[in-house]
Amino acid sequence: MTLSLPLILAVLAQAGAQAPAPAEPKRPAIVIQSASAGPISVHYLNIPWGPNTFAGMEQAADGFYNRRAWPFARLETKSAATIDGTRLPAGNYALLFHPNTPENAGMSLEIRRIAAGEFLQPGNVMTPAPEGETMLRAPVRFETVPETVPALAIELGPGKDATALTVRYGDRRLVKELRN
């Protein structure tokens, strides 16, 4: 049996038309990550980088993302530490990011003393802010860096008398020093 060229081309065209579309790349699950250095540990969600969302938070606005505090990490200290001149007793703390306001007051970082236990929820980037006592609320400015990380990443770098807390989100970086 011989097949004609037009028949072969028609069969191949039909097969190509029925080929499934390539699957979109699977996003990594949003899970709790951890870092430790000496008596300090930090736990955070690997929230994917959203450049448009973050840019909106940097601007003076009254948008959805600017209207709430964003808890992004839990800090544990086994001994007292000082950050921006504020003494933090050993304990459990929520780190909250406050976006810029309509009045252009700028972004700020809040450190809130909270009850023991985990408040972060894997898979939930809209985790509610836990209740607690505000220990520090200070202005922050994320610097723009050439490298872009795909998701929130926090590192603790031990030093002689301090630990560097480095927060990376996309092409933004914030470094705070926790003195022992």
N, C-alpha and C. Protein backbone atom coordinates (compact mmCIF):
# COMPACT_ATOMS: atom_id res chain seq x y z
N MET A 1 0.84 -1.17 0.00
CA MET A 1 0.00 0.00 0.00
C MET A 1 0.88 1.24 0.00
N THR A 2 0.60 2.15 -0.89
CA THR A 2 1.36 3.39 -0.95
C THR A 2 0.43 4.54 -0.57
N LEU A 3 1.01 5.48 0.14
CA LEU A 3 0.26 6.67 0.56
C LEU A 3 0.73 7.84 -0.27
N SER A 4 -0.19 8.67 -0.65
CA SER A 4 0.19 9.84 -1.43
C SER A 4 0.71 10.93 -0.50
N LEU A 5 1.53 11.77 -1.04
CA LEU A 5 2.10 12.88 -0.27
C LEU A 5 1.02 13.78 0.31
N PRO A 6 -0.03 14.16 -0.42
CA PRO A 6 -1.07 14.99 0.19
C PRO A 6 -1.74 14.32 1.39
N LEU A 7 -1.93 13.00 1.33
CA LEU A 7 -2.56 12.29 2.44
C LEU A 7 -1.64 12.31 3.66
N ILE A 8 -0.35 12.10 3.47
CA ILE A 8 0.62 12.11 4.58
C ILE A 8 0.64 13.51 5.21
N LEU A 9 0.66 14.56 4.40
CA LEU A 9 0.68 15.93 4.92
C LEU A 9 -0.61 16.24 5.69
N ALA A 10 -1.73 15.76 5.20
CA ALA A 10 -3.01 15.99 5.89
C ALA A 10 -3.03 15.30 7.24
N VAL A 11 -2.51 14.07 7.32
CA VAL A 11 -2.45 13.33 8.59
C VAL A 11 -1.52 14.05 9.57
N LEU A 12 -0.37 14.50 9.10
CA LEU A 12 0.58 15.22 9.97
C LEU A 12 -0.01 16.54 10.45
N ALA A 13 -0.70 17.25 9.59
CA ALA A 13 -1.33 18.53 9.99
C ALA A 13 -2.38 18.29 11.05
N GLN A 14 -3.17 17.23 10.89
CA GLN A 14 -4.22 16.90 11.87
C GLN A 14 -3.57 16.55 13.21
N ALA A 15 -2.49 15.79 13.20
CA ALA A 15 -1.81 15.40 14.43
C ALA A 15 -1.23 16.63 15.13
N GLY A 16 -0.67 17.56 14.36
CA GLY A 16 -0.12 18.78 14.96
C GLY A 16 -1.19 19.66 15.56
N ALA A 17 -2.36 19.68 14.96
CA ALA A 17 -3.45 20.51 15.48
C ALA A 17 -3.98 19.97 16.80
N GLN A 18 -3.80 18.69 17.05
CA GLN A 18 -4.32 18.08 18.27
C GLN A 18 -3.29 18.02 19.39
N ALA A 19 -2.08 18.48 19.13
CA ALA A 19 -1.04 18.43 20.17
C ALA A 19 -1.42 19.36 21.32
N PRO A 20 -1.28 18.88 22.55
CA PRO A 20 -1.64 19.73 23.71
C PRO A 20 -0.68 20.91 23.84
N ALA A 21 -1.22 21.99 24.36
CA ALA A 21 -0.40 23.17 24.60
C ALA A 21 0.61 22.86 25.71
N PRO A 22 1.79 23.45 25.64
CA PRO A 22 2.77 23.17 26.70
C PRO A 22 2.26 23.68 28.05
N ALA A 23 2.53 22.92 29.07
CA ALA A 23 2.07 23.28 30.42
C ALA A 23 2.85 24.49 30.93
N GLU A 24 2.15 25.37 31.66
CA GLU A 24 2.83 26.49 32.28
C GLU A 24 3.75 25.97 33.36
N PRO A 25 4.90 26.65 33.57
CA PRO A 25 5.80 26.18 34.62
C PRO A 25 5.10 26.24 35.97
N LYS A 26 5.31 25.20 36.76
CA LYS A 26 4.67 25.13 38.07
C LYS A 26 5.40 26.06 39.04
N ARG A 27 4.61 26.89 39.74
CA ARG A 27 5.20 27.79 40.74
C ARG A 27 5.51 27.00 41.99
N PRO A 28 6.61 27.34 42.65
CA PRO A 28 6.91 26.65 43.90
C PRO A 28 5.85 26.95 44.96
N ALA A 29 5.62 25.99 45.81
CA ALA A 29 4.66 26.18 46.91
C ALA A 29 5.19 27.27 47.84
N ILE A 30 4.25 28.03 48.43
CA ILE A 30 4.63 29.06 49.40
C ILE A 30 4.66 28.37 50.76
N VAL A 31 5.87 28.25 51.29
CA VAL A 31 6.08 27.53 52.54
C VAL A 31 6.92 28.37 53.50
N ILE A 32 6.96 27.95 54.73
CA ILE A 32 7.77 28.64 55.74
C ILE A 32 9.23 28.24 55.58
N GLN A 33 10.08 29.25 55.47
CA GLN A 33 11.53 29.09 55.40
C GLN A 33 12.13 29.60 56.71
N SER A 34 13.34 29.21 57.04
CA SER A 34 13.97 29.64 58.30
C SER A 34 15.45 29.93 58.09
N ALA A 35 15.95 30.81 58.95
CA ALA A 35 17.39 31.10 59.02
C ALA A 35 17.72 31.34 60.48
N SER A 36 18.94 30.97 60.89
CA SER A 36 19.37 31.15 62.28
C SER A 36 20.81 31.61 62.33
N ALA A 37 21.11 32.37 63.37
CA ALA A 37 22.49 32.77 63.66
C ALA A 37 22.57 33.01 65.16
N GLY A 38 23.27 32.15 65.86
CA GLY A 38 23.39 32.29 67.31
C GLY A 38 22.03 32.25 67.98
N PRO A 39 21.75 33.22 68.84
CA PRO A 39 20.49 33.21 69.59
C PRO A 39 19.28 33.78 68.82
N ILE A 40 19.47 34.06 67.52
CA ILE A 40 18.41 34.68 66.72
C ILE A 40 18.00 33.74 65.59
N SER A 41 16.69 33.61 65.40
CA SER A 41 16.19 32.88 64.23
C SER A 41 15.03 33.66 63.63
N VAL A 42 14.83 33.46 62.36
CA VAL A 42 13.75 34.13 61.64
C VAL A 42 13.05 33.10 60.77
N HIS A 43 11.72 33.22 60.70
CA HIS A 43 10.89 32.33 59.90
C HIS A 43 10.03 33.22 59.01
N TYR A 44 9.90 32.84 57.73
CA TYR A 44 9.20 33.68 56.77
C TYR A 44 8.62 32.83 55.65
N LEU A 45 7.67 33.41 54.92
CA LEU A 45 7.09 32.74 53.75
C LEU A 45 7.87 33.15 52.51
N ASN A 46 8.13 32.21 51.62
CA ASN A 46 8.83 32.51 50.36
C ASN A 46 7.84 33.09 49.35
N ILE A 47 7.36 34.30 49.65
CA ILE A 47 6.34 34.98 48.83
C ILE A 47 6.96 35.37 47.49
N PRO A 48 6.31 34.99 46.37
CA PRO A 48 6.87 35.34 45.05
C PRO A 48 6.98 36.85 44.86
N TRP A 49 8.00 37.27 44.14
CA TRP A 49 8.25 38.67 43.83
C TRP A 49 7.14 39.21 42.95
N GLY A 50 6.54 40.31 43.37
CA GLY A 50 5.51 41.00 42.61
C GLY A 50 5.94 42.44 42.37
N PRO A 51 6.68 42.71 41.29
CA PRO A 51 7.23 44.05 41.09
C PRO A 51 6.18 45.15 41.03
N ASN A 52 5.05 44.90 40.39
CA ASN A 52 4.01 45.94 40.29
C ASN A 52 3.36 46.18 41.65
N THR A 53 3.14 45.11 42.39
CA THR A 53 2.55 45.25 43.73
C THR A 53 3.47 46.04 44.63
N PHE A 54 4.75 45.69 44.66
CA PHE A 54 5.69 46.38 45.54
C PHE A 54 5.88 47.83 45.13
N ALA A 55 5.93 48.08 43.83
CA ALA A 55 6.07 49.47 43.36
C ALA A 55 4.90 50.31 43.85
N GLY A 56 3.70 49.74 43.85
CA GLY A 56 2.53 50.46 44.36
C GLY A 56 2.64 50.75 45.84
N MET A 57 3.26 49.85 46.59
CA MET A 57 3.43 50.05 48.03
C MET A 57 4.45 51.14 48.33
N GLU A 58 5.39 51.34 47.42
CA GLU A 58 6.40 52.39 47.62
C GLU A 58 5.83 53.78 47.37
N GLN A 59 4.81 53.86 46.54
CA GLN A 59 4.23 55.15 46.16
C GLN A 59 3.21 55.62 47.21
N ALA A 60 3.07 56.92 47.32
CA ALA A 60 2.02 57.48 48.18
C ALA A 60 0.70 57.18 47.50
N ALA A 61 -0.11 56.34 48.13
CA ALA A 61 -1.37 55.93 47.51
C ALA A 61 -2.34 55.41 48.55
N ASP A 62 -3.58 55.26 48.11
CA ASP A 62 -4.62 54.71 48.96
C ASP A 62 -5.16 53.43 48.32
N GLY A 63 -4.26 52.67 47.67
CA GLY A 63 -4.66 51.44 46.99
C GLY A 63 -4.84 50.29 47.97
N PHE A 64 -5.35 49.20 47.47
CA PHE A 64 -5.62 48.01 48.28
C PHE A 64 -4.40 47.59 49.09
N TYR A 65 -3.25 47.51 48.44
CA TYR A 65 -2.04 47.00 49.12
C TYR A 65 -1.46 47.99 50.12
N ASN A 66 -1.85 49.26 50.03
CA ASN A 66 -1.34 50.28 50.95
C ASN A 66 -2.18 50.40 52.22
N ARG A 67 -3.30 49.73 52.28
CA ARG A 67 -4.24 49.92 53.39
C ARG A 67 -4.03 49.00 54.57
N ARG A 68 -3.03 48.14 54.54
CA ARG A 68 -2.86 47.21 55.64
C ARG A 68 -1.39 46.99 55.94
N ALA A 69 -1.13 46.48 57.11
CA ALA A 69 0.22 46.06 57.48
C ALA A 69 0.41 44.65 56.93
N TRP A 70 1.62 44.35 56.52
CA TRP A 70 1.94 43.06 55.92
C TRP A 70 2.92 42.29 56.82
N PRO A 71 2.42 41.35 57.62
CA PRO A 71 3.34 40.53 58.41
C PRO A 71 4.09 39.60 57.47
N PHE A 72 5.41 39.66 57.51
CA PHE A 72 6.19 38.86 56.56
C PHE A 72 7.15 37.89 57.22
N ALA A 73 7.35 38.02 58.54
CA ALA A 73 8.30 37.11 59.19
C ALA A 73 8.05 37.06 60.70
N ARG A 74 8.55 35.99 61.28
CA ARG A 74 8.52 35.85 62.75
C ARG A 74 9.96 35.76 63.21
N LEU A 75 10.30 36.60 64.17
CA LEU A 75 11.65 36.68 64.72
C LEU A 75 11.64 36.09 66.12
N GLU A 76 12.58 35.20 66.41
CA GLU A 76 12.74 34.63 67.75
C GLU A 76 14.11 35.04 68.27
N THR A 77 14.14 35.54 69.50
CA THR A 77 15.42 35.86 70.14
C THR A 77 15.51 35.08 71.44
N LYS A 78 16.61 34.38 71.61
CA LYS A 78 16.82 33.61 72.85
C LYS A 78 17.48 34.46 73.93
N SER A 79 17.98 35.62 73.52
CA SER A 79 18.53 36.59 74.47
C SER A 79 18.17 37.98 73.94
N ALA A 80 18.35 38.98 74.78
CA ALA A 80 17.99 40.35 74.39
C ALA A 80 18.83 40.81 73.20
N ALA A 81 18.23 41.65 72.38
CA ALA A 81 18.91 42.24 71.23
C ALA A 81 18.42 43.68 71.07
N THR A 82 19.21 44.49 70.40
CA THR A 82 18.84 45.89 70.15
C THR A 82 18.80 46.13 68.65
N ILE A 83 17.73 46.79 68.20
CA ILE A 83 17.60 47.16 66.79
C ILE A 83 17.15 48.62 66.73
N ASP A 84 17.84 49.40 65.95
CA ASP A 84 17.53 50.84 65.82
C ASP A 84 17.38 51.52 67.18
N GLY A 85 18.22 51.12 68.14
CA GLY A 85 18.21 51.73 69.47
C GLY A 85 17.13 51.21 70.41
N THR A 86 16.31 50.28 69.96
CA THR A 86 15.25 49.71 70.79
C THR A 86 15.65 48.34 71.30
N ARG A 87 15.58 48.17 72.60
CA ARG A 87 15.94 46.89 73.22
C ARG A 87 14.77 45.92 73.12
N LEU A 88 15.04 44.74 72.59
CA LEU A 88 14.05 43.68 72.48
C LEU A 88 14.42 42.58 73.47
N PRO A 89 13.58 42.32 74.48
CA PRO A 89 13.86 41.20 75.37
C PRO A 89 13.77 39.89 74.60
N ALA A 90 14.35 38.84 75.14
CA ALA A 90 14.21 37.53 74.52
C ALA A 90 12.73 37.26 74.32
N GLY A 91 12.36 36.75 73.14
CA GLY A 91 10.95 36.50 72.90
C GLY A 91 10.62 36.21 71.45
N ASN A 92 9.33 36.29 71.16
CA ASN A 92 8.76 35.98 69.85
C ASN A 92 8.18 37.28 69.28
N TYR A 93 8.52 37.60 68.03
CA TYR A 93 8.13 38.88 67.43
C TYR A 93 7.61 38.68 66.00
N ALA A 94 6.65 39.49 65.64
CA ALA A 94 6.21 39.56 64.25
C ALA A 94 6.91 40.75 63.60
N LEU A 95 7.40 40.55 62.38
CA LEU A 95 7.95 41.65 61.59
C LEU A 95 6.88 42.03 60.57
N LEU A 96 6.48 43.30 60.61
CA LEU A 96 5.42 43.78 59.73
C LEU A 96 5.95 44.93 58.88
N PHE A 97 5.58 44.89 57.62
CA PHE A 97 5.92 45.95 56.68
C PHE A 97 4.68 46.82 56.50
N HIS A 98 4.86 48.13 56.67
CA HIS A 98 3.77 49.09 56.44
C HIS A 98 4.09 49.86 55.16
N PRO A 99 3.24 49.75 54.12
CA PRO A 99 3.47 50.48 52.88
C PRO A 99 3.36 52.00 53.08
N ASN A 100 3.76 52.72 52.06
CA ASN A 100 3.63 54.17 52.07
C ASN A 100 2.14 54.54 52.20
N THR A 101 1.88 55.72 52.68
CA THR A 101 0.51 56.17 52.94
C THR A 101 0.08 57.22 51.91
N PRO A 102 -1.20 57.54 51.85
CA PRO A 102 -1.63 58.61 50.94
C PRO A 102 -0.97 59.95 51.27
N GLU A 103 -0.57 60.14 52.54
CA GLU A 103 0.09 61.39 52.95
C GLU A 103 1.59 61.37 52.63
N ASN A 104 2.08 60.28 52.02
CA ASN A 104 3.48 60.11 51.67
C ASN A 104 4.39 60.10 52.90
N ALA A 105 3.95 59.42 53.95
CA ALA A 105 4.75 59.30 55.18
C ALA A 105 5.90 58.31 55.01
N GLY A 106 5.91 57.55 53.94
CA GLY A 106 6.97 56.58 53.70
C GLY A 106 6.64 55.22 54.28
N MET A 107 7.45 54.25 53.90
CA MET A 107 7.27 52.88 54.38
C MET A 107 7.89 52.75 55.77
N SER A 108 7.40 51.76 56.53
CA SER A 108 7.98 51.53 57.85
C SER A 108 8.00 50.05 58.19
N LEU A 109 8.86 49.72 59.14
CA LEU A 109 9.00 48.37 59.67
C LEU A 109 8.52 48.40 61.10
N GLU A 110 7.64 47.46 61.44
CA GLU A 110 7.17 47.32 62.81
C GLU A 110 7.65 46.00 63.36
N ILE A 111 8.12 46.03 64.61
CA ILE A 111 8.46 44.82 65.33
C ILE A 111 7.48 44.73 66.48
N ARG A 112 6.68 43.67 66.46
CA ARG A 112 5.58 43.50 67.41
C ARG A 112 5.82 42.25 68.25
N ARG A 113 5.88 42.43 69.57
CA ARG A 113 6.03 41.28 70.46
C ARG A 113 4.71 40.52 70.48
N ILE A 114 4.78 39.21 70.26
CA ILE A 114 3.57 38.39 70.14
C ILE A 114 3.70 37.14 71.01
N ALA A 115 2.58 36.47 71.19
CA ALA A 115 2.57 35.22 71.95
C ALA A 115 3.41 34.18 71.21
N ALA A 116 3.90 33.20 71.95
CA ALA A 116 4.68 32.12 71.35
C ALA A 116 3.83 31.37 70.35
N GLY A 117 4.46 30.79 69.37
CA GLY A 117 3.75 30.02 68.36
C GLY A 117 3.86 30.67 66.99
N GLU A 118 3.50 29.91 65.99
CA GLU A 118 3.61 30.35 64.60
C GLU A 118 2.32 31.01 64.13
N PHE A 119 2.43 32.19 63.53
CA PHE A 119 1.25 32.84 62.95
C PHE A 119 1.27 32.79 61.43
N LEU A 120 2.44 32.52 60.84
CA LEU A 120 2.53 32.44 59.39
C LEU A 120 1.74 31.23 58.90
N GLN A 121 1.12 31.36 57.75
CA GLN A 121 0.28 30.30 57.20
C GLN A 121 0.80 29.91 55.82
N PRO A 122 1.38 28.71 55.69
CA PRO A 122 1.86 28.30 54.37
C PRO A 122 0.78 28.45 53.31
N GLY A 123 1.17 29.00 52.17
CA GLY A 123 0.25 29.20 51.06
C GLY A 123 -0.57 30.48 51.14
N ASN A 124 -0.51 31.20 52.26
CA ASN A 124 -1.34 32.38 52.45
C ASN A 124 -0.49 33.64 52.52
N VAL A 125 -0.42 34.38 51.41
CA VAL A 125 0.35 35.63 51.40
C VAL A 125 -0.42 36.77 52.08
N MET A 126 -1.67 36.52 52.44
CA MET A 126 -2.50 37.53 53.12
C MET A 126 -2.66 37.18 54.60
N THR A 127 -1.64 36.58 55.19
CA THR A 127 -1.68 36.21 56.60
C THR A 127 -2.10 37.41 57.45
N PRO A 128 -3.07 37.24 58.35
CA PRO A 128 -3.47 38.37 59.21
C PRO A 128 -2.35 38.73 60.19
N ALA A 129 -2.27 40.00 60.52
CA ALA A 129 -1.27 40.47 61.49
C ALA A 129 -1.67 40.00 62.89
N PRO A 130 -0.75 39.38 63.61
CA PRO A 130 -1.07 38.93 64.97
C PRO A 130 -1.14 40.11 65.94
N GLU A 131 -1.94 39.94 66.97
CA GLU A 131 -2.03 40.95 68.03
C GLU A 131 -0.76 40.94 68.85
N GLY A 132 -0.42 42.08 69.44
CA GLY A 132 0.75 42.15 70.29
C GLY A 132 1.15 43.58 70.56
N GLU A 133 2.26 43.72 71.26
CA GLU A 133 2.77 45.03 71.66
C GLU A 133 3.81 45.51 70.65
N THR A 134 3.61 46.71 70.11
CA THR A 134 4.59 47.28 69.19
C THR A 134 5.81 47.71 69.98
N MET A 135 6.94 47.12 69.64
CA MET A 135 8.20 47.45 70.29
C MET A 135 8.96 48.53 69.51
N LEU A 136 8.77 48.53 68.18
CA LEU A 136 9.47 49.47 67.31
C LEU A 136 8.64 49.67 66.05
N ARG A 137 8.53 50.90 65.60
CA ARG A 137 8.03 51.21 64.28
C ARG A 137 8.91 52.32 63.74
N ALA A 138 9.68 51.97 62.72
CA ALA A 138 10.68 52.89 62.21
C ALA A 138 10.60 52.97 60.68
N PRO A 139 10.91 54.16 60.14
CA PRO A 139 10.93 54.29 58.68
C PRO A 139 11.96 53.34 58.06
N VAL A 140 11.64 52.83 56.89
CA VAL A 140 12.59 51.99 56.16
C VAL A 140 12.59 52.41 54.69
N ARG A 141 13.71 52.15 54.08
CA ARG A 141 13.85 52.37 52.65
C ARG A 141 14.60 51.17 52.09
N PHE A 142 13.94 50.46 51.19
CA PHE A 142 14.58 49.33 50.52
C PHE A 142 15.46 49.89 49.41
N GLU A 143 16.67 49.39 49.31
CA GLU A 143 17.54 49.82 48.22
C GLU A 143 17.31 48.90 47.03
N THR A 144 17.45 49.45 45.83
CA THR A 144 17.34 48.65 44.61
C THR A 144 18.72 48.09 44.30
N VAL A 145 18.77 46.78 44.03
CA VAL A 145 20.03 46.10 43.75
C VAL A 145 19.96 45.44 42.37
N PRO A 146 21.11 45.14 41.76
CA PRO A 146 21.08 44.60 40.39
C PRO A 146 20.51 43.18 40.29
N GLU A 147 20.68 42.37 41.33
CA GLU A 147 20.19 40.98 41.28
C GLU A 147 18.74 40.93 41.73
N THR A 148 17.96 40.06 41.08
CA THR A 148 16.56 39.87 41.45
C THR A 148 16.36 38.45 41.97
N VAL A 149 15.81 38.32 43.16
CA VAL A 149 15.47 37.00 43.69
C VAL A 149 14.01 36.74 43.36
N PRO A 150 13.64 35.48 43.09
CA PRO A 150 12.27 35.19 42.66
C PRO A 150 11.23 35.25 43.78
N ALA A 151 11.70 35.20 45.03
CA ALA A 151 10.77 35.19 46.17
C ALA A 151 11.46 35.82 47.38
N LEU A 152 10.65 36.18 48.36
CA LEU A 152 11.19 36.73 49.60
C LEU A 152 12.25 35.79 50.17
N ALA A 153 13.38 36.36 50.56
CA ALA A 153 14.47 35.59 51.17
C ALA A 153 15.05 36.43 52.30
N ILE A 154 15.24 35.81 53.46
CA ILE A 154 15.79 36.52 54.61
C ILE A 154 16.99 35.74 55.10
N GLU A 155 18.07 36.47 55.35
CA GLU A 155 19.31 35.85 55.84
C GLU A 155 19.71 36.51 57.15
N LEU A 156 20.37 35.75 57.99
CA LEU A 156 20.98 36.26 59.21
C LEU A 156 22.48 36.05 59.09
N GLY A 157 23.24 37.14 59.17
CA GLY A 157 24.69 37.07 59.06
C GLY A 157 25.32 37.38 60.39
N PRO A 158 25.94 36.39 61.02
CA PRO A 158 26.54 36.63 62.34
C PRO A 158 27.78 37.51 62.25
N GLY A 159 27.93 38.37 63.24
CA GLY A 159 29.11 39.21 63.36
C GLY A 159 29.63 39.13 64.78
N LYS A 160 30.63 39.94 65.10
CA LYS A 160 31.23 39.88 66.44
C LYS A 160 30.24 40.31 67.51
N ASP A 161 29.62 41.47 67.36
CA ASP A 161 28.69 41.99 68.36
C ASP A 161 27.29 42.20 67.82
N ALA A 162 27.02 41.75 66.59
CA ALA A 162 25.72 42.00 65.98
C ALA A 162 25.41 40.92 64.95
N THR A 163 24.16 40.85 64.59
CA THR A 163 23.69 39.96 63.53
C THR A 163 23.00 40.82 62.49
N ALA A 164 23.41 40.65 61.24
CA ALA A 164 22.78 41.39 60.15
C ALA A 164 21.55 40.63 59.68
N LEU A 165 20.41 41.30 59.69
CA LEU A 165 19.15 40.76 59.18
C LEU A 165 18.98 41.36 57.79
N THR A 166 19.10 40.53 56.76
CA THR A 166 18.99 41.00 55.38
C THR A 166 17.72 40.46 54.77
N VAL A 167 16.85 41.37 54.33
CA VAL A 167 15.59 41.03 53.70
C VAL A 167 15.75 41.31 52.21
N ARG A 168 15.55 40.28 51.37
CA ARG A 168 15.60 40.43 49.91
C ARG A 168 14.23 40.12 49.35
N TYR A 169 13.72 41.03 48.52
CA TYR A 169 12.44 40.80 47.85
C TYR A 169 12.59 41.34 46.44
N GLY A 170 12.66 40.44 45.48
CA GLY A 170 12.89 40.85 44.09
C GLY A 170 14.21 41.56 43.97
N ASP A 171 14.18 42.79 43.45
CA ASP A 171 15.41 43.57 43.31
C ASP A 171 15.54 44.61 44.42
N ARG A 172 14.93 44.34 45.56
CA ARG A 172 15.00 45.24 46.72
C ARG A 172 15.71 44.54 47.87
N ARG A 173 16.41 45.35 48.66
CA ARG A 173 17.12 44.81 49.83
C ARG A 173 17.03 45.79 50.99
N LEU A 174 16.84 45.22 52.17
CA LEU A 174 16.83 45.97 53.41
C LEU A 174 17.73 45.24 54.39
N VAL A 175 18.65 45.97 55.03
CA VAL A 175 19.54 45.36 56.01
C VAL A 175 19.35 46.10 57.34
N LYS A 176 19.10 45.34 58.38
CA LYS A 176 18.98 45.86 59.74
C LYS A 176 19.95 45.10 60.63
N GLU A 177 20.49 45.79 61.61
CA GLU A 177 21.47 45.19 62.51
C GLU A 177 20.83 44.93 63.88
N LEU A 178 20.96 43.70 64.33
CA LEU A 178 20.51 43.30 65.68
C LEU A 178 21.75 43.17 66.54
N ARG A 179 21.90 44.08 67.50
CA ARG A 179 23.06 44.03 68.40
C ARG A 179 22.80 43.09 69.55
N ASN A 180 23.80 42.28 69.88
CA ASN A 180 23.70 41.32 70.98
C ASN A 180 23.79 42.01 72.32
